[in-house]
Amino acid sequence: MTKKKPELPDWDDGRTVADMNVEGMPWYSPKKRIPDRERKTAADREETMTKEESRYYTWGALKAALIIVGVMCAGLVLFILFCQHVWFR
C-alpha cells in the first residue's frame, strides 16, 4: 500500500519558496539538501534596473516621503493653532 500525495489546490503550483529543511528541526533530512553549486543566489536571479527605472523608483519614494512629512507638518501647525486659539484662551 503506497501513500497517495494529497492533491494541490488550484492556486498552488507546488514550487518551494523557502527551504524549510533546517538543521535542528524534527523533520530535518540531510539527504534533501540542495548542493551549493545547484542553488541559485538572489544575485543570479536579480534583474538590473535601467537608469530611467531607477530614477522613477527614487522619485516615487521621495514623493511618498514628502507627503508623509507634509501631513505631519500640517498636523503640527493645526495643533499649535488649536492651542493658541482654543486651549490657552
Protein backbone atom coordinates (compact mmCIF):
# COMPACT_ATOMS: atom_id res chain seq x y z
CA MET A 1 0.00 0.00 0.00
CA THR A 2 1.55 3.28 -1.09
CA LYS A 3 0.72 6.64 0.31
CA LYS A 4 -1.03 8.90 -2.14
CA LYS A 5 0.15 12.51 -2.24
CA PRO A 6 -2.64 14.96 -1.49
CA GLU A 7 -3.85 16.98 -4.45
CA LEU A 8 -2.80 20.59 -4.50
CA PRO A 9 -5.38 23.39 -4.63
CA ASP A 10 -5.81 25.20 -7.95
CA TRP A 11 -3.84 28.23 -6.78
CA ASP A 12 -0.85 26.15 -5.58
CA ASP A 13 1.67 25.28 -8.29
CA GLY A 14 3.89 23.19 -5.98
CA ARG A 15 7.00 25.38 -6.06
CA THR A 16 9.09 25.77 -2.91
CA VAL A 17 9.50 29.40 -1.86
CA ALA A 18 11.78 28.81 1.12
CA ASP A 19 13.62 25.65 2.07
CA MET A 20 12.27 24.63 5.48
CA ASN A 21 14.71 21.70 5.80
CA VAL A 22 16.65 23.37 8.63
CA GLU A 23 19.11 21.51 10.83
CA GLY A 24 17.71 21.05 14.34
CA MET A 25 14.06 20.72 13.29
CA PRO A 26 12.32 17.37 13.82
CA TRP A 27 11.72 16.90 10.09
CA TYR A 28 15.32 17.66 9.09
CA SER A 29 16.70 15.28 6.49
CA PRO A 30 20.31 15.84 5.37
CA LYS A 31 19.81 13.93 2.11
CA LYS A 32 17.28 16.51 0.88
CA ARG A 33 19.77 19.37 0.91
CA ILE A 34 20.37 21.09 -2.41
CA PRO A 35 24.07 21.25 -3.33
CA ASP A 36 25.52 24.75 -3.27
CA ARG A 37 26.56 24.53 -6.90
CA GLU A 38 22.92 23.97 -7.95
CA ARG A 39 21.46 26.62 -5.67
CA LYS A 40 20.95 29.97 -7.33
CA THR A 41 21.61 33.07 -5.30
CA ALA A 42 19.40 36.13 -5.32
CA ALA A 43 22.06 37.98 -7.30
CA ASP A 44 21.86 35.36 -10.06
CA ARG A 45 18.09 35.77 -10.37
CA GLU A 46 18.04 39.53 -9.96
CA GLU A 47 17.46 41.72 -12.96
CA THR A 48 19.11 45.10 -13.07
CA MET A 49 17.14 48.30 -13.48
CA THR A 50 17.81 50.86 -16.13
CA LYS A 51 18.75 54.39 -15.11
CA GLU A 52 15.27 55.59 -16.06
CA GLU A 53 13.56 52.94 -13.91
CA SER A 54 15.87 53.74 -11.03
CA ARG A 55 15.01 57.43 -11.37
CA TYR A 56 11.25 56.63 -11.33
CA TYR A 57 11.57 54.47 -8.20
CA THR A 58 13.61 57.15 -6.43
CA TRP A 59 11.15 59.88 -7.39
CA GLY A 60 8.21 57.74 -6.21
CA ALA A 61 9.86 57.08 -2.84
CA LEU A 62 10.69 60.77 -2.47
CA LYS A 63 7.09 61.79 -3.23
CA ALA A 64 5.76 59.30 -0.67
CA ALA A 65 8.15 60.60 2.00
CA LEU A 66 7.28 64.23 1.23
CA ILE A 67 3.55 63.50 1.51
CA ILE A 68 4.04 61.91 4.93
CA VAL A 69 6.22 64.78 6.16
CA GLY A 70 3.70 67.30 4.80
CA VAL A 71 0.79 65.66 6.62
CA MET A 72 2.76 65.60 9.87
CA CYS A 73 3.76 69.26 9.50
CA ALA A 74 0.18 70.24 8.74
CA GLY A 75 -0.99 68.36 11.84
CA LEU A 76 1.61 70.15 13.95
CA VAL A 77 0.56 73.56 12.59
CA LEU A 78 -3.12 72.77 13.26
CA PHE A 79 -2.28 71.64 16.80
CA ILE A 80 -0.37 74.87 17.50
CA LEU A 81 -3.26 76.94 16.12
CA PHE A 82 -5.70 74.96 18.25
CA CYS A 83 -3.58 75.58 21.33
CA GLN A 84 -3.32 79.33 20.66
CA HIS A 85 -6.97 80.00 19.78
CA VAL A 86 -8.93 77.46 21.84
CA TRP A 87 -6.99 75.79 24.62
CA PHE A 88 -4.98 78.71 26.06
CA ARG A 89 -7.82 81.30 25.97
